[in-house]
Protein backbone atom coordinates (compact mmCIF):
# COMPACT_ATOMS: atom_id res chain seq x y z
CA SER A 1 -27.38 -119.67 -38.27
CA VAL A 2 -28.80 -122.96 -37.88
CA LEU A 3 -32.69 -123.38 -37.72
CA VAL A 4 -34.65 -125.70 -36.08
CA TYR A 5 -38.15 -126.74 -37.38
CA ALA A 6 -40.43 -127.52 -34.40
CA CYS A 7 -44.19 -128.55 -34.03
CA THR A 8 -45.53 -126.37 -31.09
CA LEU A 9 -48.04 -127.68 -28.09
CA GLU A 10 -51.34 -125.46 -29.17
CA ASP A 11 -53.63 -127.43 -26.42
CA LYS A 12 -54.80 -130.66 -25.03
CA LYS A 13 -57.60 -132.43 -25.03
CA ILE A 14 -59.45 -135.19 -22.84
CA VAL A 15 -59.49 -138.42 -24.72
CA MET A 16 -61.35 -141.99 -23.33
CA THR A 17 -59.78 -145.23 -23.13
CA GLU A 18 -60.96 -148.11 -21.23
CA GLU A 19 -63.22 -146.55 -19.47
CA LYS A 20 -60.73 -143.77 -18.04
CA ALA A 21 -60.54 -140.62 -19.14
CA GLN A 22 -56.96 -139.10 -20.12
CA TYR A 23 -55.24 -135.89 -21.19
CA GLU A 24 -53.86 -135.98 -24.86
CA LYS A 25 -51.34 -133.24 -25.97
CA GLN A 26 -52.76 -131.39 -29.12
CA TRP A 27 -49.58 -130.47 -31.36
CA SER A 28 -49.55 -127.92 -34.32
CA LYS A 29 -49.81 -129.92 -37.75
CA HIS A 30 -47.14 -127.23 -39.10
CA ALA A 31 -43.53 -127.36 -37.77
CA ALA A 32 -42.40 -123.71 -37.07
CA ALA A 33 -38.76 -122.59 -37.67
CA TYR A 34 -36.67 -121.55 -34.94
CA ALA A 35 -33.01 -120.67 -34.56
CA LEU A 36 -30.71 -123.20 -32.93
CA GLN A 37 -29.78 -120.80 -29.91
CA THR A 38 -33.15 -119.93 -29.13
CA THR A 39 -33.95 -123.65 -28.13
CA ARG A 40 -33.32 -125.66 -25.05
CA THR A 41 -32.47 -129.13 -24.87
CA ASP A 42 -31.89 -129.66 -21.25
CA LEU A 43 -35.14 -129.70 -20.16
CA GLU A 44 -37.79 -131.95 -19.32
CA VAL A 45 -41.40 -132.39 -20.37
CA HIS A 46 -42.40 -128.79 -18.66
CA GLU A 47 -46.23 -129.67 -18.09
CA PRO A 48 -46.45 -133.28 -17.30
CA LEU A 49 -50.02 -134.11 -17.79
CA PRO A 50 -51.75 -135.26 -14.51
CA GLN A 51 -53.75 -138.35 -14.78
CA LEU A 52 -57.59 -138.68 -14.49
CA ASN A 53 -59.55 -141.55 -12.79
CA MET A 54 -62.82 -140.00 -14.05
CA THR A 55 -65.44 -141.89 -16.19
CA LEU A 56 -67.41 -139.98 -18.83
CA GLU A 57 -70.67 -139.63 -16.52
CA GLN A 58 -68.25 -138.31 -13.95
CA LEU A 59 -66.75 -135.84 -16.66
CA PHE A 60 -70.06 -134.78 -18.26
CA PRO A 61 -72.43 -134.77 -15.70
CA LEU A 62 -76.20 -133.99 -16.73
CA GLY A 63 -76.38 -130.33 -17.49
CA THR A 64 -73.10 -129.67 -18.48
CA VAL A 65 -72.40 -127.09 -20.81
CA VAL A 66 -70.37 -128.23 -23.66
CA PHE A 67 -69.54 -126.65 -27.29
CA SER A 68 -69.32 -129.14 -30.48
CA LEU A 69 -66.14 -128.88 -32.21
CA GLU A 70 -67.26 -131.27 -35.19
CA PRO A 71 -68.94 -129.98 -38.30
CA PRO A 72 -71.55 -129.12 -38.96
CA SER A 73 -72.19 -127.20 -35.62
CA TYR A 74 -68.84 -126.06 -34.64
CA GLY A 75 -69.01 -123.72 -32.31
CA ALA A 76 -72.63 -124.91 -31.15
CA MET A 77 -73.42 -124.49 -27.35
CA GLY A 78 -75.61 -127.35 -26.06
CA THR A 79 -76.28 -129.37 -22.55
CA VAL A 80 -75.65 -132.87 -21.92
CA VAL A 81 -79.13 -134.68 -21.17
CA GLU A 82 -77.88 -138.48 -21.11
CA GLY A 83 -75.06 -139.94 -20.26
CA SER A 84 -74.71 -143.87 -21.79
CA LYS A 85 -72.58 -147.35 -20.84
CA ASN A 86 -71.02 -146.96 -24.49
CA GLN A 87 -68.81 -144.43 -23.99
CA ARG A 88 -70.92 -141.44 -25.58
CA VAL A 89 -73.07 -138.85 -24.04
CA ARG A 90 -76.17 -137.66 -25.57
CA VAL A 91 -76.08 -134.07 -26.03
CA PHE A 92 -78.72 -131.01 -26.91
CA PHE A 93 -77.40 -128.35 -28.97
CA THR A 94 -79.29 -125.33 -29.80
CA TYR A 95 -78.52 -123.18 -32.52
CA GLU A 96 -79.12 -119.51 -32.35
CA SER A 97 -80.44 -117.82 -35.96
CA GLU A 98 -77.81 -115.77 -37.72
CA PRO A 99 -78.95 -112.19 -36.76
CA ASN A 100 -79.92 -110.10 -39.87
CA THR A 101 -77.32 -107.63 -40.90
CA GLU A 102 -78.87 -105.87 -44.31
CA HIS A 103 -80.23 -102.78 -42.79
CA MET A 104 -76.23 -102.33 -41.61
CA LYS A 105 -75.22 -103.09 -44.46
CA ASN A 106 -77.16 -100.84 -46.12
CA SER A 107 -77.01 -97.95 -43.73
CA VAL A 108 -72.93 -98.11 -44.17
CA LYS A 109 -73.41 -98.10 -48.29
CA ARG A 110 -75.62 -94.97 -47.75
CA ARG A 111 -73.23 -93.24 -45.59
CA ALA A 112 -69.96 -94.12 -47.36
CA PRO A 113 -69.02 -91.48 -49.95
CA ARG A 114 -69.95 -91.95 -53.68
CA TYR A 115 -67.22 -91.27 -56.06
CA MET A 116 -67.29 -89.44 -59.61
CA PRO A 117 -65.05 -89.18 -62.21
CA GLY A 118 -63.21 -86.00 -62.44
CA ASN A 119 -64.50 -85.07 -65.71
CA GLN A 120 -67.88 -85.19 -64.21
CA VAL A 121 -66.92 -82.85 -61.22
CA ALA A 122 -64.88 -80.66 -63.24
CA HIS A 123 -68.01 -80.22 -65.37
CA ASN A 124 -70.07 -79.51 -62.56
CA LEU A 125 -67.74 -76.77 -61.27
CA GLY A 126 -67.33 -74.95 -64.77
CA LEU A 127 -63.41 -76.08 -64.72
CA SER A 128 -61.28 -78.08 -67.12
CA PRO A 129 -60.39 -81.71 -66.05
CA HIS A 130 -56.45 -80.53 -65.56
CA VAL A 131 -57.24 -77.58 -63.73
CA LEU A 132 -59.27 -79.63 -61.29
CA SER A 133 -56.45 -82.28 -61.30
CA ARG A 134 -54.08 -79.44 -60.73
CA ILE A 135 -56.10 -77.94 -57.90
CA THR A 136 -56.77 -80.75 -55.56
CA GLY A 137 -53.26 -81.85 -55.83
CA THR A 138 -50.09 -79.70 -55.33
CA ILE A 139 -49.56 -76.29 -56.50
CA TYR A 140 -46.23 -74.67 -55.77
CA ILE A 141 -45.89 -70.64 -56.35
CA LEU A 142 -42.53 -69.12 -55.86
CA SER A 143 -41.89 -65.76 -54.00
CA GLU A 144 -41.12 -62.70 -55.72
CA ASN A 145 -38.25 -62.28 -53.54
CA GLN A 146 -34.89 -63.27 -55.76
CA GLU A 147 -32.64 -63.66 -52.24
CA SER A 148 -34.63 -66.38 -51.32
CA ASP A 149 -35.83 -69.61 -52.82
CA TYR A 150 -39.54 -69.81 -50.77
CA LYS A 151 -42.18 -72.44 -52.52
CA LEU A 152 -45.73 -71.75 -51.14
CA ASN A 153 -48.30 -74.76 -52.22
CA ILE A 154 -51.55 -73.33 -52.67
CA GLY A 155 -53.13 -76.84 -53.70
CA LEU A 156 -55.29 -78.89 -51.63
CA ASN A 157 -53.72 -81.73 -51.25
CA LEU A 158 -56.50 -84.10 -51.83
CA LYS A 159 -54.46 -86.29 -53.75
CA PHE A 160 -50.89 -87.02 -53.85
CA ASN A 161 -49.93 -88.20 -57.92
CA LYS A 162 -46.46 -89.02 -57.30
CA ARG A 163 -46.66 -91.33 -54.15
CA ASN A 164 -50.05 -92.34 -55.74
CA GLU A 165 -51.94 -91.87 -52.52
CA GLU A 166 -55.33 -91.13 -51.48
CA VAL A 167 -57.39 -88.89 -49.30
CA VAL A 168 -59.78 -91.16 -47.61
CA GLY A 169 -62.83 -89.74 -47.80
CA TYR A 170 -62.00 -87.43 -50.77
CA THR A 171 -60.33 -89.24 -53.43
CA LYS A 172 -59.56 -92.60 -54.48
CA ARG A 173 -57.40 -93.89 -57.52
CA ASP A 174 -59.93 -96.28 -59.60
CA ARG A 175 -57.84 -99.69 -59.49
CA VAL A 176 -58.80 -100.51 -63.38
CA LEU A 177 -58.33 -97.14 -65.40
CA GLY A 178 -55.55 -95.54 -62.95
CA ASN A 179 -57.99 -92.82 -63.14
CA TRP A 180 -58.95 -90.22 -59.96
CA MET A 181 -62.43 -90.08 -58.54
CA TYR A 182 -63.68 -87.43 -56.25
CA SER A 183 -66.32 -87.59 -54.00
CA HIS A 184 -69.01 -84.94 -52.99
CA LYS A 185 -66.84 -83.52 -50.17
CA ALA A 186 -64.07 -83.10 -52.63
CA GLU A 187 -66.33 -80.99 -54.77
CA GLU A 188 -67.64 -78.66 -52.01
CA GLU A 189 -64.08 -78.10 -51.01
CA VAL A 190 -62.78 -76.78 -54.78
CA GLU A 191 -66.07 -75.09 -54.74
CA GLU A 192 -64.86 -73.11 -51.54
CA TYR A 193 -61.66 -72.83 -52.94
CA MET A 194 -62.81 -71.40 -56.20
CA VAL A 195 -65.11 -68.53 -54.11
CA VAL A 196 -62.11 -67.21 -51.78
CA PHE A 197 -59.26 -67.43 -54.73
């Protein structure tokens, strides 16, 4: 299979040359690979760019809303306040202050589940850490019927050791130590499990 590397057309911009405005195509900076059989070489230019016979003042009359594409004001909205004869216009940019999101961050932190190590949860519940680990995972019991191999899972399935999968809001794996961590909701589930069984 043959690959063709090509730069795609991203956009077009207006460039001022010799007192006139013209469109200029903007190509991507990095070429992308395409399978040869998906390309066409027999096409003319799909979209010829129209000629603009406009001056800068006609293109950007006073009061026109524009957006900056240059740092440090990239994305800022402005208004054309003055045209000039030297291929430039004067723009007044308005800057909005960034919203204060600290209260939202704190709210998210307060609502996010706090996780505790397994030995702390086990101590709170009066269990050994091993029993807590087994109850919150998978525990199979076999039926007494000799004729069938019926297995029943009586674990809470709040974590899956073999697949190393967590249950959001209940358990998570400590990435550094590899230990399981339990939330208050997980502790409540185990406590209810102990009452029922």
